[in-house]
Amino acid sequence: MRKLEESVTEPWIVHVYGQNRKLLWVLEPSHGWLFLLGFGFGLLLTVIHVNLATSTSVSEALPTRDASESPALLQLD
């Protein structure tokens, strides 16, 4: 029996066909790497946004008003 002299180094690829044997889409290894890169970048942006949002407290973001300045808009008698 003959042994393979070269290892198979071809990347994987997925072809998806419809019922009428028409090619619908192709998934290559580069698509997977780009998805992971985008997912990681989005996760990094989310963590940075959450850290910046929690560093600013609610009392600093909203100015306080005294009750003596103006009456409530929907005050019932």
Protein backbone atom coordinates (compact mmCIF):
# COMPACT_ATOMS: atom_id res chain seq x y z
CA MET A 1 0.00 0.00 0.00
CA ARG A 2 1.28 3.44 -0.93
CA LYS A 3 1.55 6.14 1.76
CA LEU A 4 0.77 9.76 1.20
CA GLU A 5 3.96 11.75 0.91
CA GLU A 6 2.38 15.16 1.41
CA SER A 7 0.11 16.17 4.23
CA VAL A 8 -3.18 17.72 3.28
CA THR A 9 -2.87 21.44 3.99
CA GLU A 10 -5.92 22.69 2.15
CA PRO A 11 -8.24 24.79 4.31
CA TRP A 12 -11.82 23.80 4.87
CA ILE A 13 -14.64 25.43 2.94
CA VAL A 14 -18.40 24.99 3.16
CA HIS A 15 -20.72 25.37 0.18
CA VAL A 16 -24.46 25.55 0.83
CA TYR A 17 -26.75 24.77 -2.07
CA GLY A 18 -30.50 25.27 -2.45
CA GLN A 19 -33.05 22.70 -3.58
CA ASN A 20 -32.47 23.53 -7.24
CA ARG A 21 -28.69 22.97 -6.89
CA LYS A 22 -27.99 26.69 -6.95
CA LEU A 23 -25.14 27.93 -4.74
CA LEU A 24 -26.59 29.99 -1.88
CA TRP A 25 -23.51 30.94 0.11
CA VAL A 26 -19.91 29.95 0.86
CA LEU A 27 -18.22 29.86 4.26
CA GLU A 28 -14.42 30.08 4.24
CA PRO A 29 -11.90 30.18 7.12
CA SER A 30 -11.34 33.91 6.63
CA HIS A 31 -15.04 34.51 7.35
CA GLY A 32 -14.67 32.78 10.70
CA TRP A 33 -11.60 34.82 11.64
CA LEU A 34 -13.29 38.07 10.67
CA PHE A 35 -16.36 37.13 12.74
CA LEU A 36 -14.19 36.42 15.79
CA LEU A 37 -12.24 39.65 15.27
CA GLY A 38 -15.47 41.69 15.04
CA PHE A 39 -16.97 39.91 18.04
CA GLY A 40 -13.87 40.60 20.14
CA PHE A 41 -13.78 44.25 19.08
CA GLY A 42 -17.48 44.68 19.90
CA LEU A 43 -16.97 43.04 23.29
CA LEU A 44 -14.06 45.37 24.00
CA LEU A 45 -16.14 48.43 23.09
CA THR A 46 -18.98 47.20 25.31
CA VAL A 47 -16.70 46.75 28.31
CA ILE A 48 -15.18 50.21 27.81
CA HIS A 49 -18.66 51.78 27.48
CA VAL A 50 -19.97 50.06 30.62
CA ASN A 51 -16.90 51.15 32.61
CA LEU A 52 -17.29 54.76 31.46
CA ALA A 53 -21.03 54.75 32.14
CA THR A 54 -20.64 53.43 35.68
CA SER A 55 -17.85 55.92 36.50
CA THR A 56 -20.30 58.79 35.97
CA SER A 57 -22.84 58.64 38.75
CA VAL A 58 -26.49 59.58 38.25
CA SER A 59 -26.27 62.52 40.63
CA GLU A 60 -23.48 64.10 38.57
CA ALA A 61 -25.29 63.56 35.28
CA LEU A 62 -28.64 65.08 36.34
CA PRO A 63 -28.76 68.53 37.94
CA THR A 64 -30.79 68.81 41.14
CA ARG A 65 -33.64 71.32 41.42
CA ASP A 66 -35.04 72.91 44.54
CA ALA A 67 -38.78 72.58 45.13
CA SER A 68 -38.99 76.32 45.90
CA GLU A 69 -37.84 77.33 42.39
CA SER A 70 -40.95 76.25 40.50
CA PRO A 71 -44.10 74.28 41.31
CA ALA A 72 -44.60 70.80 39.98
CA LEU A 73 -46.05 70.73 36.47
CA LEU A 74 -48.78 68.18 37.22
CA GLN A 75 -49.81 69.26 40.66
CA LEU A 76 -53.33 68.21 41.73
CA ASP A 77 -55.42 70.24 44.19
